[in-house]
Amino acid sequence: MSAYQLAQENLKDDDILVLDEGFYHKT
């Protein structure tokens, strides 16, 4: 959640966050 929000607030529109353990994995 924290990493996703950090990306939301700091990355540009055409940037891409890549999570090795994202929401689906944690679920």
PDB file of all heavy atoms in Angstrom:
ATOM      1  N   MET A   1       0.828  -1.206   0.000  1.00  0.00           N
ATOM      2  CA  MET A   1       0.000   0.000   0.000  1.00  0.00           C
ATOM      3  C   MET A   1       0.865   1.259   0.000  1.00  0.00           C
ATOM      4  O   MET A   1       0.623   2.207  -0.758  1.00  0.00           O
ATOM      5  CB  MET A   1      -0.923   0.012   1.226  1.00  0.00           C
ATOM      6  CG  MET A   1      -2.036  -1.013   1.200  1.00  0.00           C
ATOM      7  SD  MET A   1      -2.958  -0.992   2.776  1.00  0.00           S
ATOM      8  CE  MET A   1      -4.273  -2.164   2.424  1.00  0.00           C
ATOM      9  N   SER A   2       1.887   1.263   0.864  1.00  0.00           N
ATOM     10  CA  SER A   2       2.769   2.428   0.975  1.00  0.00           C
ATOM     11  C   SER A   2       3.556   2.653  -0.307  1.00  0.00           C
ATOM     12  O   SER A   2       3.678   3.795  -0.773  1.00  0.00           O
ATOM     13  CB  SER A   2       3.734   2.238   2.152  1.00  0.00           C
ATOM     14  OG  SER A   2       3.037   2.092   3.366  1.00  0.00           O
ATOM     15  N   ALA A   3       4.088   1.579  -0.878  1.00  0.00           N
ATOM     16  CA  ALA A   3       4.867   1.701  -2.119  1.00  0.00           C
ATOM     17  C   ALA A   3       3.985   2.185  -3.262  1.00  0.00           C
ATOM     18  O   ALA A   3       4.406   3.019  -4.076  1.00  0.00           O
ATOM     19  CB  ALA A   3       5.506   0.363  -2.467  1.00  0.00           C
ATOM     20  N   TYR A   4       2.777   1.668  -3.324  1.00  0.00           N
ATOM     21  CA  TYR A   4       1.852   2.093  -4.377  1.00  0.00           C
ATOM     22  C   TYR A   4       1.532   3.574  -4.256  1.00  0.00           C
ATOM     23  O   TYR A   4       1.526   4.311  -5.254  1.00  0.00           O
ATOM     24  CB  TYR A   4       0.574   1.257  -4.282  1.00  0.00           C
ATOM     25  CG  TYR A   4      -0.481   1.633  -5.295  1.00  0.00           C
ATOM     26  CD1 TYR A   4      -0.446   1.123  -6.586  1.00  0.00           C
ATOM     27  CD2 TYR A   4      -1.529   2.509  -4.959  1.00  0.00           C
ATOM     28  CE1 TYR A   4      -1.418   1.470  -7.522  1.00  0.00           C
ATOM     29  CE2 TYR A   4      -2.498   2.851  -5.884  1.00  0.00           C
ATOM     30  CZ  TYR A   4      -2.428   2.332  -7.159  1.00  0.00           C
ATOM     31  OH  TYR A   4      -3.383   2.681  -8.089  1.00  0.00           O
ATOM     32  N   GLN A   5       1.281   4.035  -3.027  1.00  0.00           N
ATOM     33  CA  GLN A   5       0.954   5.444  -2.836  1.00  0.00           C
ATOM     34  C   GLN A   5       2.150   6.341  -3.115  1.00  0.00           C
ATOM     35  O   GLN A   5       2.002   7.435  -3.679  1.00  0.00           O
ATOM     36  CB  GLN A   5       0.450   5.670  -1.408  1.00  0.00           C
ATOM     37  CG  GLN A   5      -0.160   7.042  -1.184  1.00  0.00           C
ATOM     38  CD  GLN A   5      -1.410   7.262  -2.026  1.00  0.00           C
ATOM     39  OE1 GLN A   5      -2.146   6.324  -2.318  1.00  0.00           O
ATOM     40  NE2 GLN A   5      -1.637   8.510  -2.408  1.00  0.00           N
ATOM     41  N   LEU A   6       3.341   5.891  -2.735  1.00  0.00           N
ATOM     42  CA  LEU A   6       4.565   6.636  -3.057  1.00  0.00           C
ATOM     43  C   LEU A   6       4.694   6.825  -4.562  1.00  0.00           C
ATOM     44  O   LEU A   6       5.017   7.920  -5.039  1.00  0.00           O
ATOM     45  CB  LEU A   6       5.788   5.890  -2.514  1.00  0.00           C
ATOM     46  CG  LEU A   6       7.167   6.475  -2.858  1.00  0.00           C
ATOM     47  CD1 LEU A   6       7.352   7.857  -2.232  1.00  0.00           C
ATOM     48  CD2 LEU A   6       8.271   5.518  -2.395  1.00  0.00           C
ATOM     49  N   ALA A   7       4.405   5.766  -5.310  1.00  0.00           N
ATOM     50  CA  ALA A   7       4.465   5.857  -6.769  1.00  0.00           C
ATOM     51  C   ALA A   7       3.392   6.787  -7.308  1.00  0.00           C
ATOM     52  O   ALA A   7       3.647   7.601  -8.199  1.00  0.00           O
ATOM     53  CB  ALA A   7       4.311   4.462  -7.383  1.00  0.00           C
ATOM     54  N   GLN A   8       2.182   6.689  -6.756  1.00  0.00           N
ATOM     55  CA  GLN A   8       1.083   7.535  -7.202  1.00  0.00           C
ATOM     56  C   GLN A   8       1.421   9.016  -7.058  1.00  0.00           C
ATOM     57  O   GLN A   8       1.078   9.841  -7.909  1.00  0.00           O
ATOM     58  CB  GLN A   8      -0.182   7.230  -6.386  1.00  0.00           C
ATOM     59  CG  GLN A   8      -0.898   5.971  -6.803  1.00  0.00           C
ATOM     60  CD  GLN A   8      -1.790   6.183  -8.021  1.00  0.00           C
ATOM     61  OE1 GLN A   8      -1.360   6.653  -9.061  1.00  0.00           O
ATOM     62  NE2 GLN A   8      -3.044   5.827  -7.879  1.00  0.00           N
ATOM     63  N   GLU A   9       2.114   9.355  -5.986  1.00  0.00           N
ATOM     64  CA  GLU A   9       2.392  10.761  -5.692  1.00  0.00           C
ATOM     65  C   GLU A   9       3.675  11.265  -6.341  1.00  0.00           C
ATOM     66  O   GLU A   9       3.885  12.490  -6.383  1.00  0.00           O
ATOM     67  CB  GLU A   9       2.468  10.959  -4.175  1.00  0.00           C
ATOM     68  CG  GLU A   9       1.144  10.702  -3.457  1.00  0.00           C
ATOM     69  CD  GLU A   9       1.202  10.976  -1.973  1.00  0.00           C
ATOM     70  OE1 GLU A   9       2.094  11.751  -1.550  1.00  0.00           O
ATOM     71  OE2 GLU A   9       0.374  10.412  -1.225  1.00  0.00           O
ATOM     72  N   ASN A  10       4.518  10.370  -6.846  1.00  0.00           N
ATOM     73  CA  ASN A  10       5.831  10.817  -7.309  1.00  0.00           C
ATOM     74  C   ASN A  10       6.191  10.439  -8.744  1.00  0.00           C
ATOM     75  O   ASN A  10       7.033  11.108  -9.348  1.00  0.00           O
ATOM     76  CB  ASN A  10       6.926  10.286  -6.370  1.00  0.00           C
ATOM     77  CG  ASN A  10       6.886  10.937  -5.008  1.00  0.00           C
ATOM     78  OD1 ASN A  10       7.426  12.012  -4.795  1.00  0.00           O
ATOM     79  ND2 ASN A  10       6.223  10.269  -4.058  1.00  0.00           N
ATOM     80  N   LEU A  11       5.585   9.390  -9.288  1.00  0.00           N
ATOM     81  CA  LEU A  11       5.919   9.006 -10.649  1.00  0.00           C
ATOM     82  C   LEU A  11       5.102   9.799 -11.665  1.00  0.00           C
ATOM     83  O   LEU A  11       4.015  10.270 -11.375  1.00  0.00           O
ATOM     84  CB  LEU A  11       5.669   7.507 -10.855  1.00  0.00           C
ATOM     85  CG  LEU A  11       6.590   6.551 -10.104  1.00  0.00           C
ATOM     86  CD1 LEU A  11       6.290   5.108 -10.497  1.00  0.00           C
ATOM     87  CD2 LEU A  11       8.066   6.866 -10.348  1.00  0.00           C
ATOM     88  N   LYS A  12       5.654   9.922 -12.860  1.00  0.00           N
ATOM     89  CA  LYS A  12       4.957  10.607 -13.948  1.00  0.00           C
ATOM     90  C   LYS A  12       3.919   9.681 -14.578  1.00  0.00           C
ATOM     91  O   LYS A  12       3.911   8.476 -14.340  1.00  0.00           O
ATOM     92  CB  LYS A  12       5.981  11.061 -15.002  1.00  0.00           C
ATOM     93  CG  LYS A  12       6.987  12.081 -14.496  1.00  0.00           C
ATOM     94  CD  LYS A  12       7.970  12.483 -15.576  1.00  0.00           C
ATOM     95  CE  LYS A  12       8.889  11.326 -15.950  1.00  0.00           C
ATOM     96  NZ  LYS A  12       9.958  11.740 -16.892  1.00  0.00           N
ATOM     97  N   ASP A  13       3.055  10.276 -15.399  1.00  0.00           N
ATOM     98  CA  ASP A  13       1.956   9.519 -15.995  1.00  0.00           C
ATOM     99  C   ASP A  13       2.442   8.335 -16.822  1.00  0.00           C
ATOM    100  O   ASP A  13       1.776   7.289 -16.864  1.00  0.00           O
ATOM    101  CB  ASP A  13       1.099  10.428 -16.876  1.00  0.00           C
ATOM    102  CG  ASP A  13       0.293  11.431 -16.054  1.00  0.00           C
ATOM    103  OD1 ASP A  13       0.172  11.220 -14.835  1.00  0.00           O
ATOM    104  OD2 ASP A  13      -0.197  12.409 -16.639  1.00  0.00           O
ATOM    105  N   ASP A  14       3.597   8.487 -17.491  1.00  0.00           N
ATOM    106  CA  ASP A  14       4.081   7.416 -18.357  1.00  0.00           C
ATOM    107  C   ASP A  14       5.080   6.495 -17.654  1.00  0.00           C
ATOM    108  O   ASP A  14       5.649   5.607 -18.280  1.00  0.00           O
ATOM    109  CB  ASP A  14       4.695   7.986 -19.639  1.00  0.00           C
ATOM    110  CG  ASP A  14       5.798   9.010 -19.362  1.00  0.00           C
ATOM    111  OD1 ASP A  14       5.961   9.412 -18.189  1.00  0.00           O
ATOM    112  OD2 ASP A  14       6.499   9.414 -20.318  1.00  0.00           O
ATOM    113  N   ASP A  15       5.300   6.696 -16.357  1.00  0.00           N
ATOM    114  CA  ASP A  15       6.155   5.791 -15.588  1.00  0.00           C
ATOM    115  C   ASP A  15       5.352   4.579 -15.135  1.00  0.00           C
ATOM    116  O   ASP A  15       4.123   4.628 -15.048  1.00  0.00           O
ATOM    117  CB  ASP A  15       6.738   6.493 -14.353  1.00  0.00           C
ATOM    118  CG  ASP A  15       7.818   7.507 -14.707  1.00  0.00           C
ATOM    119  OD1 ASP A  15       8.452   7.337 -15.773  1.00  0.00           O
ATOM    120  OD2 ASP A  15       8.028   8.449 -13.926  1.00  0.00           O
ATOM    121  N   ILE A  16       6.073   3.502 -14.830  1.00  0.00           N
ATOM    122  CA  ILE A  16       5.411   2.251 -14.453  1.00  0.00           C
ATOM    123  C   ILE A  16       6.052   1.693 -13.183  1.00  0.00           C
ATOM    124  O   ILE A  16       7.270   1.497 -13.127  1.00  0.00           O
ATOM    125  CB  ILE A  16       5.511   1.205 -15.581  1.00  0.00           C
ATOM    126  CG1 ILE A  16       4.865   1.742 -16.866  1.00  0.00           C
ATOM    127  CG2 ILE A  16       4.836  -0.104 -15.164  1.00  0.00           C
ATOM    128  CD1 ILE A  16       5.081   0.845 -18.071  1.00  0.00           C
ATOM    129  N   LEU A  17       5.243   1.442 -12.173  1.00  0.00           N
ATOM    130  CA  LEU A  17       5.688   0.780 -10.950  1.00  0.00           C
ATOM    131  C   LEU A  17       5.630  -0.731 -11.167  1.00  0.00           C
ATOM    132  O   LEU A  17       4.621  -1.253 -11.648  1.00  0.00           O
ATOM    133  CB  LEU A  17       4.794   1.176  -9.783  1.00  0.00           C
ATOM    134  CG  LEU A  17       5.013   0.430  -8.458  1.00  0.00           C
ATOM    135  CD1 LEU A  17       6.384   0.754  -7.867  1.00  0.00           C
ATOM    136  CD2 LEU A  17       3.898   0.775  -7.464  1.00  0.00           C
ATOM    137  N   VAL A  18       6.701  -1.429 -10.795  1.00  0.00           N
ATOM    138  CA  VAL A  18       6.752  -2.888 -10.951  1.00  0.00           C
ATOM    139  C   VAL A  18       6.939  -3.510  -9.566  1.00  0.00           C
ATOM    140  O   VAL A  18       7.973  -3.311  -8.923  1.00  0.00           O
ATOM    141  CB  VAL A  18       7.895  -3.324 -11.889  1.00  0.00           C
ATOM    142  CG1 VAL A  18       7.823  -4.834 -12.132  1.00  0.00           C
ATOM    143  CG2 VAL A  18       7.834  -2.566 -13.210  1.00  0.00           C
ATOM    144  N   LEU A  19       5.948  -4.261  -9.108  1.00  0.00           N
ATOM    145  CA  LEU A  19       5.975  -4.852  -7.767  1.00  0.00           C
ATOM    146  C   LEU A  19       6.193  -6.353  -7.847  1.00  0.00           C
ATOM    147  O   LEU A  19       5.438  -7.060  -8.518  1.00  0.00           O
ATOM    148  CB  LEU A  19       4.654  -4.563  -7.044  1.00  0.00           C
ATOM    149  CG  LEU A  19       4.361  -3.093  -6.727  1.00  0.00           C
ATOM    150  CD1 LEU A  19       2.926  -2.937  -6.243  1.00  0.00           C
ATOM    151  CD2 LEU A  19       5.337  -2.570  -5.681  1.00  0.00           C
ATOM    152  N   ASP A  20       7.231  -6.838  -7.137  1.00  0.00           N
ATOM    153  CA  ASP A  20       7.460  -8.287  -7.130  1.00  0.00           C
ATOM    154  C   ASP A  20       6.448  -8.995  -6.236  1.00  0.00           C
ATOM    155  O   ASP A  20       6.155 -10.170  -6.426  1.00  0.00           O
ATOM    156  CB  ASP A  20       8.897  -8.621  -6.708  1.00  0.00           C
ATOM    157  CG  ASP A  20       9.250  -8.101  -5.328  1.00  0.00           C
ATOM    158  OD1 ASP A  20       8.510  -7.243  -4.813  1.00  0.00           O
ATOM    159  OD2 ASP A  20      10.278  -8.541  -4.782  1.00  0.00           O
ATOM    160  N   GLU A  21       5.895  -8.276  -5.257  1.00  0.00           N
ATOM    161  CA  GLU A  21       4.828  -8.823  -4.417  1.00  0.00           C
ATOM    162  C   GLU A  21       3.770  -7.739  -4.257  1.00  0.00           C
ATOM    163  O   GLU A  21       3.826  -6.922  -3.340  1.00  0.00           O
ATOM    164  CB  GLU A  21       5.373  -9.273  -3.056  1.00  0.00           C
ATOM    165  CG  GLU A  21       6.322 -10.462  -3.159  1.00  0.00           C
ATOM    166  CD  GLU A  21       6.728 -11.014  -1.799  1.00  0.00           C
ATOM    167  OE1 GLU A  21       6.357 -10.399  -0.779  1.00  0.00           O
ATOM    168  OE2 GLU A  21       7.399 -12.047  -1.756  1.00  0.00           O
ATOM    169  N   GLY A  22       2.803  -7.734  -5.170  1.00  0.00           N
ATOM    170  CA  GLY A  22       1.789  -6.695  -5.189  1.00  0.00           C
ATOM    171  C   GLY A  22       0.520  -7.109  -4.469  1.00  0.00           C
ATOM    172  O   GLY A  22       0.498  -8.024  -3.637  1.00  0.00           O
ATOM    173  N   PHE A  23      -0.577  -6.438  -4.795  1.00  0.00           N
ATOM    174  CA  PHE A  23      -1.846  -6.666  -4.102  1.00  0.00           C
ATOM    175  C   PHE A  23      -2.357  -8.089  -4.294  1.00  0.00           C
ATOM    176  O   PHE A  23      -2.853  -8.717  -3.347  1.00  0.00           O
ATOM    177  CB  PHE A  23      -2.896  -5.661  -4.583  1.00  0.00           C
ATOM    178  CG  PHE A  23      -2.580  -4.240  -4.211  1.00  0.00           C
ATOM    179  CD1 PHE A  23      -2.074  -3.355  -5.149  1.00  0.00           C
ATOM    180  CD2 PHE A  23      -2.785  -3.795  -2.915  1.00  0.00           C
ATOM    181  CE1 PHE A  23      -1.787  -2.036  -4.800  1.00  0.00           C
ATOM    182  CE2 PHE A  23      -2.494  -2.483  -2.556  1.00  0.00           C
ATOM    183  CZ  PHE A  23      -1.993  -1.593  -3.499  1.00  0.00           C
ATOM    184  N   TYR A  24      -2.253  -8.619  -5.493  1.00  0.00           N
ATOM    185  CA  TYR A  24      -2.724  -9.989  -5.732  1.00  0.00           C
ATOM    186  C   TYR A  24      -1.874 -10.999  -4.980  1.00  0.00           C
ATOM    187  O   TYR A  24      -2.388 -11.965  -4.401  1.00  0.00           O
ATOM    188  CB  TYR A  24      -2.739 -10.297  -7.234  1.00  0.00           C
ATOM    189  CG  TYR A  24      -4.028  -9.895  -7.909  1.00  0.00           C
ATOM    190  CD1 TYR A  24      -4.137  -8.681  -8.573  1.00  0.00           C
ATOM    191  CD2 TYR A  24      -5.151 -10.724  -7.868  1.00  0.00           C
ATOM    192  CE1 TYR A  24      -5.333  -8.299  -9.181  1.00  0.00           C
ATOM    193  CE2 TYR A  24      -6.343 -10.354  -8.464  1.00  0.00           C
ATOM    194  CZ  TYR A  24      -6.425  -9.141  -9.121  1.00  0.00           C
ATOM    195  OH  TYR A  24      -7.613  -8.767  -9.713  1.00  0.00           O
ATOM    196  N   HIS A  25      -0.564 -10.787  -4.981  1.00  0.00           N
ATOM    197  CA  HIS A  25       0.314 -11.732  -4.296  1.00  0.00           C
ATOM    198  C   HIS A  25       0.047 -11.730  -2.789  1.00  0.00           C
ATOM    199  O   HIS A  25      -0.051 -12.795  -2.163  1.00  0.00           O
ATOM    200  CB  HIS A  25       1.778 -11.387  -4.563  1.00  0.00           C
ATOM    201  CG  HIS A  25       2.730 -12.390  -3.998  1.00  0.00           C
ATOM    202  ND1 HIS A  25       3.057 -13.553  -4.661  1.00  0.00           N
ATOM    203  CD2 HIS A  25       3.405 -12.431  -2.816  1.00  0.00           C
ATOM    204  CE1 HIS A  25       3.900 -14.259  -3.917  1.00  0.00           C
ATOM    205  NE2 HIS A  25       4.125 -13.599  -2.796  1.00  0.00           N
ATOM    206  N   LYS A  26      -0.079 -10.535  -2.211  1.00  0.00           N
ATOM    207  CA  LYS A  26      -0.353 -10.449  -0.775  1.00  0.00           C
ATOM    208  C   LYS A  26      -1.711 -11.052  -0.442  1.00  0.00           C
ATOM    209  O   LYS A  26      -1.886 -11.696   0.604  1.00  0.00           O
ATOM    210  CB  LYS A  26      -0.302  -8.988  -0.319  1.00  0.00           C
ATOM    211  CG  LYS A  26       1.087  -8.372  -0.350  1.00  0.00           C
ATOM    212  CD  LYS A  26       2.012  -9.019   0.649  1.00  0.00           C
ATOM    213  CE  LYS A  26       3.337  -8.288   0.736  1.00  0.00           C
ATOM    214  NZ  LYS A  26       4.266  -8.923   1.711  1.00  0.00           N
ATOM    215  N   THR A  27      -2.681 -10.868  -1.324  1.00  0.00           N
ATOM    216  CA  THR A  27      -3.997 -11.469  -1.112  1.00  0.00           C
ATOM    217  C   THR A  27      -3.891 -12.995  -1.114  1.00  0.00           C
ATOM    218  O   THR A  27      -4.522 -13.674  -0.292  1.00  0.00           O
ATOM    219  CB  THR A  27      -4.977 -11.011  -2.203  1.00  0.00           C
ATOM    220  OG1 THR A  27      -5.127  -9.585  -2.145  1.00  0.00           O
ATOM    221  CG2 THR A  27      -6.340 -11.665  -2.019  1.00  0.00           C
TER     222      THR A  27
END
